[in-house]
Protein backbone atom coordinates (compact mmCIF):
# COMPACT_ATOMS: atom_id res chain seq x y z
CA UNK A 1 0.00 0.00 0.00
CA UNK A 2 2.75 2.50 0.84
CA UNK A 3 4.41 1.94 -2.52
CA UNK A 4 1.32 3.52 -4.04
CA UNK A 5 2.42 6.77 -2.43
CA UNK A 6 5.66 6.75 -4.42
CA UNK A 7 3.97 5.51 -7.56
CA UNK A 8 1.30 8.22 -7.46
CA UNK A 9 3.49 11.20 -6.57
CA UNK A 10 4.30 13.39 -9.54
CA UNK A 11 7.70 11.96 -10.34
CA UNK A 12 9.58 13.95 -7.68
CA UNK A 13 11.11 12.76 -4.45
CA UNK A 14 13.21 15.01 -2.24
CA UNK A 15 15.67 13.55 0.26
CA UNK A 16 17.59 15.18 3.07
CA UNK A 17 21.26 14.29 3.60
CA UNK A 18 21.88 14.60 7.32
CA UNK A 19 20.29 11.89 9.47
CA UNK A 20 18.37 10.62 6.44
CA UNK A 21 20.74 9.47 3.70
CA UNK A 22 23.70 9.72 6.08
CA UNK A 23 23.17 8.45 9.64
CA UNK A 24 25.94 8.48 12.24
CA UNK A 25 28.53 9.09 9.52
CA UNK A 26 27.42 6.09 7.45
CA UNK A 27 25.25 5.79 4.37
CA UNK A 28 21.77 4.49 5.10
CA UNK A 29 21.48 1.32 2.94
CA UNK A 30 17.68 1.44 3.01
CA UNK A 31 17.79 4.89 1.43
CA UNK A 32 20.15 3.63 -1.27
CA UNK A 33 17.69 0.82 -2.02
CA UNK A 34 14.85 3.33 -2.25
CA UNK A 35 16.91 5.71 -4.41
CA UNK A 36 17.58 3.00 -6.99
CA UNK A 37 13.96 1.89 -6.94
CA UNK A 38 12.83 5.46 -7.55
CA UNK A 39 15.33 5.90 -10.39
CA UNK A 40 14.23 2.59 -11.97
CA UNK A 41 10.65 3.90 -11.92
CA UNK A 42 11.76 7.00 -13.83
CA UNK A 43 11.06 9.41 -10.98
CA UNK A 44 12.96 12.64 -10.47
CA UNK A 45 15.14 12.62 -7.38
CA UNK A 46 16.53 15.62 -5.51
CA UNK A 47 18.94 15.87 -2.58
CA UNK A 48 19.33 18.58 0.06
CA UNK A 49 22.82 18.64 1.57
CA UNK A 50 25.17 21.04 3.36
CA UNK A 51 27.66 22.97 1.20
CA UNK A 52 30.52 21.35 3.09
CA UNK A 53 29.55 17.82 2.03
CA UNK A 54 30.98 16.19 -1.09
CA UNK A 55 28.76 13.17 -1.62
CA UNK A 56 31.39 11.52 -3.79
CA UNK A 57 33.41 11.08 -0.56
CA UNK A 58 30.71 8.54 0.32
CA UNK A 59 30.86 6.83 -3.10
CA UNK A 60 27.58 8.37 -4.19
CA UNK A 61 27.42 10.00 -7.61
CA UNK A 62 25.58 13.25 -8.19
CA UNK A 63 24.37 11.56 -11.40
CA UNK A 64 21.81 9.69 -9.28
CA UNK A 65 20.04 12.98 -8.60
CA UNK A 66 18.22 15.35 -10.91
CA UNK A 67 19.25 18.16 -8.59
CA UNK A 68 21.48 18.60 -5.55
CA UNK A 69 20.62 21.62 -3.46
CA UNK A 70 22.46 23.33 -0.66
CA UNK A 71 20.62 23.38 2.66
CA UNK A 72 21.33 27.07 3.13
CA UNK A 73 20.27 28.63 -0.18
CA UNK A 74 16.48 28.60 0.26
CA UNK A 75 14.17 26.84 2.60
CA UNK A 76 13.51 23.28 1.51
CA UNK A 77 9.78 23.80 1.61
CA UNK A 78 9.90 26.65 -0.90
CA UNK A 79 11.74 24.46 -3.39
CA UNK A 80 9.35 21.50 -3.26
CA UNK A 81 6.14 21.45 -5.25
CA UNK A 82 2.94 20.12 -3.70
CA UNK A 83 2.71 16.88 -5.65
CA UNK A 84 6.18 15.74 -4.53
CA UNK A 85 7.28 13.57 -1.66
CA UNK A 86 9.81 14.57 1.02
CA UNK A 87 11.86 12.24 3.21
CA UNK A 88 13.44 14.14 6.11
CA UNK A 89 14.29 13.41 9.74
CA UNK A 90 13.29 16.88 10.97
CA UNK A 91 9.80 17.07 12.44
CA UNK A 92 9.67 20.85 11.89
CA UNK A 93 10.53 20.48 8.19
CA UNK A 94 8.04 17.65 7.72
CA UNK A 95 5.33 19.60 9.52
CA UNK A 96 5.88 22.71 7.38
CA UNK A 97 5.92 20.58 4.21
CA UNK A 98 2.76 18.74 5.23
CA UNK A 99 1.00 22.07 5.85
CA UNK A 100 1.89 23.02 2.26
CA UNK A 101 0.30 19.78 0.99
CA UNK A 102 3.52 17.85 0.40
CA UNK A 103 3.58 14.13 1.25
CA UNK A 104 6.15 13.59 4.01
CA UNK A 105 7.92 10.62 5.55
CA UNK A 106 10.41 10.22 8.37
CA UNK A 107 13.49 8.02 8.03
CA UNK A 108 11.84 5.22 10.00
CA UNK A 109 9.20 4.89 7.26
CA UNK A 110 11.63 4.10 4.44
CA UNK A 111 10.90 0.37 4.54
CA UNK A 112 7.22 1.10 3.98
CA UNK A 113 8.07 2.99 0.78
CA UNK A 114 10.08 0.18 -0.77
CA UNK A 115 8.24 -1.93 -3.33
CA UNK A 116 9.16 -5.39 -2.05
CA UNK A 117 7.60 -7.06 -5.10
CA UNK A 118 10.65 -6.11 -7.16
């Protein structure tokens, strides 16, 4: 049922770096699984990360993403359109996004977004 959420969103998923894709200094393997699933479905994928982070240091290519945005340039919420989906660990960010009509998920919900039929 949760995979329907990813399948019905308008081709855009936004992911936060800190404590979402990277947890305790290590890449979150569940997020990597979801990222590849999303890319295989032809969805657009965007990453929010600090300026100081070079994701290639973690063996992740920027080619996986349709856009990589700096955390400090604009607020995340202003950059995300309503029919997108946001995965972020911050309750405040998720709350603000939800109030704008954006579908939101915390890191602990990643497993529910994976299409296990694949």
